[in-house]
Every structure is written in structure tokens, then in C-alpha cells.
């Protein structure tokens, strides 16, 4: 049995939706929760351009996943935070650079916010991944 399965609620949308409508995680898995990648006291300069900022955040999460022996194929849900909802298409195109090769898509919640925890931050991401323990 696979450790998780994507559940499509409407097969006609499966090819163009950038997220999974639902994911079922099977018993014998443990959850790994990753907080946002942009720390308020971090001295690293954030790129201004939204695609570069997404690559920065996704790169940090890629490193954190790898530190736990995980990849983007192990991610079951992401919470996206955007300060400008007009950036949604660019964000999803850029995120697919990290998640798109295998065809696996995590469930996704997109949230528009007035500001993030650091000046200049336009995008942030919380990640939930699973690891099979059995």
C-alpha cells in the first residue's frame, strides 16, 4: 500500500490544478511540520522579484526536507502566504520547478495577508510532509 494517495474530486481538473484537492495518508506514517523559511532576524537579503523570492523560500524548504531524508514528493500539504494575490500564477509556476517533475501535487491552502514577518517578504510557505515508519 502506498503511504499516501492523491484524491481527485473532479478528474476533468486534474491536469490544470496546481494542487491536490485531497490527500489520504495511510497508517504507519509520521508527520514532519516545517515552519516558514523567512526568519525575521535573518540577515540574508531577500530578492525583490516574486519568482526569485519563491525560489529562495522553496530552496530553504528543500534543504530542510533533505535534512529529514524527505523530498517534495513527501509533502502532503502547503500553506502559501502572499501579500499580493496577483502574484498567484507566477508563484505556482515557480513552485512547480521544485514539485513538478514527479507529477505529485500536495494539497494547498492559499492565504492573502497584509504583511509577512520581515520587510520586503512577499511570499512564505509552511509545509507538512510525511515519512513512512513501517
Foldseek 3Di string as FASTA:
>chain_A
DDQKDADAPDVVCLVPDLAGQAMDGDPQKDKDKAFKDDDAPDPDDADLDPLSNLVVRVVSVQVVQVVVVHFLLQWAEKEKEFQDCVCVVSNSVSVCVRVVPVSDHHHYHYHHDNDDSYPSDGMIMMIMGMDRRD
